[in-house]
């Protein structure tokens, strides 16, 4: 499981956009977002880098 901090995810709409960007990379990933904590958890068999790249491309740069 990967944990990311996404400083620009501040509301439910942002969380939906983050979830959409991540599920486009891996439709089978289990994703949990917490806009209040600006945190995202991703459970996937893919590597961390593809999710970091997808978030950055969607306008939500992430830190591990």
N, C-alpha and C. Protein backbone atom coordinates (compact mmCIF):
# COMPACT_ATOMS: atom_id res chain seq x y z
N UNK A 1 0.85 -1.18 0.00
CA UNK A 1 0.00 0.00 0.00
C UNK A 1 0.89 1.24 0.00
N UNK A 2 0.52 2.20 -0.81
CA UNK A 2 1.24 3.46 -0.90
C UNK A 2 0.44 4.54 -0.19
N UNK A 3 1.15 5.45 0.46
CA UNK A 3 0.52 6.59 1.11
C UNK A 3 1.15 7.85 0.52
N UNK A 4 0.28 8.77 0.12
CA UNK A 4 0.75 10.02 -0.46
C UNK A 4 0.11 11.19 0.27
N UNK A 5 0.85 12.28 0.32
CA UNK A 5 0.31 13.55 0.76
C UNK A 5 0.07 14.38 -0.49
N UNK A 6 -1.14 14.90 -0.62
CA UNK A 6 -1.51 15.70 -1.79
C UNK A 6 -1.97 17.06 -1.27
N UNK A 7 -1.03 18.02 -1.17
CA UNK A 7 -1.35 19.31 -0.56
C UNK A 7 -2.49 20.07 -1.24
N UNK A 8 -2.71 19.85 -2.53
CA UNK A 8 -3.74 20.61 -3.24
C UNK A 8 -5.10 19.93 -3.21
N UNK A 9 -5.23 18.79 -2.57
CA UNK A 9 -6.52 18.11 -2.43
C UNK A 9 -7.19 18.64 -1.17
N UNK A 10 -8.11 19.60 -1.35
CA UNK A 10 -8.67 20.29 -0.20
C UNK A 10 -10.17 20.06 0.01
N UNK A 11 -10.83 19.35 -0.92
CA UNK A 11 -12.28 19.18 -0.80
C UNK A 11 -12.72 17.85 -1.43
N UNK A 12 -13.99 17.56 -1.32
CA UNK A 12 -14.53 16.34 -1.90
C UNK A 12 -14.40 16.29 -3.41
N UNK A 13 -14.54 17.42 -4.06
CA UNK A 13 -14.39 17.47 -5.52
C UNK A 13 -12.97 17.11 -5.93
N UNK A 14 -12.01 17.63 -5.18
CA UNK A 14 -10.60 17.28 -5.44
C UNK A 14 -10.38 15.79 -5.22
N UNK A 15 -10.97 15.25 -4.16
CA UNK A 15 -10.81 13.83 -3.85
C UNK A 15 -11.38 12.98 -4.99
N UNK A 16 -12.50 13.38 -5.56
CA UNK A 16 -13.07 12.64 -6.69
C UNK A 16 -12.14 12.71 -7.90
N UNK A 17 -11.55 13.86 -8.15
CA UNK A 17 -10.61 14.00 -9.26
C UNK A 17 -9.37 13.15 -9.05
N UNK A 18 -8.87 13.11 -7.83
CA UNK A 18 -7.72 12.28 -7.49
C UNK A 18 -8.06 10.80 -7.71
N UNK A 19 -9.21 10.39 -7.21
CA UNK A 19 -9.64 9.00 -7.37
C UNK A 19 -9.77 8.64 -8.84
N UNK A 20 -10.35 9.52 -9.62
CA UNK A 20 -10.51 9.27 -11.06
C UNK A 20 -9.15 9.11 -11.74
N UNK A 21 -8.22 9.99 -11.44
CA UNK A 21 -6.89 9.92 -12.04
C UNK A 21 -6.19 8.61 -11.70
N UNK A 22 -6.35 8.16 -10.48
CA UNK A 22 -5.69 6.92 -10.05
C UNK A 22 -6.36 5.68 -10.62
N UNK A 23 -7.68 5.69 -10.70
CA UNK A 23 -8.37 4.51 -11.25
C UNK A 23 -8.17 4.40 -12.76
N UNK A 24 -7.85 5.49 -13.42
CA UNK A 24 -7.52 5.40 -14.84
C UNK A 24 -6.21 4.65 -15.05
N UNK A 25 -5.31 4.72 -14.09
CA UNK A 25 -4.05 3.99 -14.14
C UNK A 25 -4.28 2.52 -13.81
N UNK A 26 -5.05 2.26 -12.76
CA UNK A 26 -5.33 0.89 -12.33
C UNK A 26 -6.78 0.81 -11.85
N UNK A 27 -7.67 0.33 -12.73
CA UNK A 27 -9.08 0.23 -12.36
C UNK A 27 -9.34 -0.70 -11.17
N UNK A 28 -8.41 -1.58 -10.87
CA UNK A 28 -8.57 -2.53 -9.77
C UNK A 28 -7.97 -2.05 -8.45
N UNK A 29 -7.36 -0.88 -8.46
CA UNK A 29 -6.74 -0.35 -7.24
C UNK A 29 -7.80 -0.01 -6.20
N UNK A 30 -7.44 -0.20 -4.95
CA UNK A 30 -8.30 0.24 -3.84
C UNK A 30 -7.75 1.59 -3.39
N UNK A 31 -8.59 2.60 -3.45
CA UNK A 31 -8.15 3.97 -3.18
C UNK A 31 -8.98 4.57 -2.05
N UNK A 32 -8.30 5.18 -1.09
CA UNK A 32 -8.95 5.89 0.00
C UNK A 32 -8.40 7.31 0.02
N UNK A 33 -9.30 8.28 0.03
CA UNK A 33 -8.88 9.68 0.10
C UNK A 33 -9.39 10.30 1.40
N UNK A 34 -8.60 11.22 1.93
CA UNK A 34 -8.98 11.98 3.12
C UNK A 34 -8.61 13.44 2.86
N UNK A 35 -9.55 14.21 2.29
CA UNK A 35 -9.25 15.60 1.96
C UNK A 35 -8.84 16.44 3.17
N UNK A 36 -9.40 16.17 4.33
CA UNK A 36 -9.07 16.94 5.53
C UNK A 36 -7.59 16.78 5.87
N UNK A 37 -7.09 15.56 5.77
CA UNK A 37 -5.68 15.29 6.06
C UNK A 37 -4.81 15.43 4.82
N UNK A 38 -5.47 15.65 3.67
CA UNK A 38 -4.78 15.74 2.37
C UNK A 38 -3.96 14.48 2.11
N UNK A 39 -4.57 13.34 2.42
CA UNK A 39 -3.89 12.06 2.31
C UNK A 39 -4.61 11.13 1.34
N UNK A 40 -3.83 10.30 0.66
CA UNK A 40 -4.37 9.29 -0.25
C UNK A 40 -3.64 7.98 0.03
N UNK A 41 -4.42 6.91 0.09
CA UNK A 41 -3.86 5.57 0.23
C UNK A 41 -4.27 4.77 -0.99
N UNK A 42 -3.30 4.08 -1.58
CA UNK A 42 -3.55 3.28 -2.78
C UNK A 42 -3.02 1.88 -2.55
N UNK A 43 -3.89 0.90 -2.77
CA UNK A 43 -3.50 -0.51 -2.69
C UNK A 43 -3.58 -1.06 -4.10
N UNK A 44 -2.41 -1.39 -4.68
CA UNK A 44 -2.34 -1.82 -6.06
C UNK A 44 -1.12 -2.70 -6.27
N UNK A 45 -1.15 -3.48 -7.34
CA UNK A 45 0.01 -4.29 -7.70
C UNK A 45 0.98 -3.51 -8.57
N UNK A 46 0.57 -2.33 -9.03
CA UNK A 46 1.46 -1.49 -9.85
C UNK A 46 2.43 -0.74 -8.96
N UNK A 47 3.47 -0.19 -9.57
CA UNK A 47 4.48 0.56 -8.83
C UNK A 47 4.03 1.95 -8.45
N UNK A 48 4.66 2.47 -7.44
CA UNK A 48 4.35 3.79 -6.90
C UNK A 48 4.49 4.90 -7.95
N UNK A 49 5.51 4.80 -8.78
CA UNK A 49 5.80 5.86 -9.75
C UNK A 49 4.68 6.17 -10.70
N UNK A 50 3.92 5.15 -11.11
CA UNK A 50 2.82 5.41 -12.06
C UNK A 50 1.73 6.24 -11.41
N UNK A 51 1.53 6.07 -10.12
CA UNK A 51 0.50 6.85 -9.42
C UNK A 51 0.96 8.28 -9.17
N UNK A 52 2.24 8.45 -8.82
CA UNK A 52 2.79 9.79 -8.64
C UNK A 52 2.69 10.57 -9.95
N UNK A 53 3.02 9.92 -11.06
CA UNK A 53 2.95 10.58 -12.38
C UNK A 53 1.51 10.93 -12.73
N UNK A 54 0.58 10.02 -12.47
CA UNK A 54 -0.83 10.28 -12.79
C UNK A 54 -1.37 11.44 -11.98
N UNK A 55 -1.00 11.51 -10.71
CA UNK A 55 -1.45 12.62 -9.88
C UNK A 55 -0.88 13.95 -10.36
N UNK A 56 0.40 13.96 -10.70
CA UNK A 56 1.02 15.19 -11.19
C UNK A 56 0.36 15.64 -12.49
N UNK A 57 0.08 14.69 -13.38
CA UNK A 57 -0.55 15.03 -14.65
C UNK A 57 -1.96 15.59 -14.45
N UNK A 58 -2.63 15.12 -13.41
CA UNK A 58 -4.00 15.59 -13.11
C UNK A 58 -4.00 16.90 -12.34
N UNK A 59 -2.81 17.43 -12.02
CA UNK A 59 -2.73 18.70 -11.30
C UNK A 59 -2.71 18.55 -9.78
N UNK A 60 -2.41 17.35 -9.31
CA UNK A 60 -2.35 17.09 -7.88
C UNK A 60 -1.01 16.46 -7.52
N UNK A 61 0.08 17.24 -7.55
CA UNK A 61 1.39 16.68 -7.22
C UNK A 61 1.39 16.07 -5.83
N UNK A 62 2.02 14.91 -5.72
CA UNK A 62 2.00 14.16 -4.46
C UNK A 62 3.41 13.95 -3.92
N UNK A 63 3.48 13.86 -2.62
CA UNK A 63 4.72 13.51 -1.94
C UNK A 63 4.49 12.21 -1.19
N UNK A 64 5.51 11.41 -1.11
CA UNK A 64 5.40 10.13 -0.40
C UNK A 64 5.53 10.39 1.08
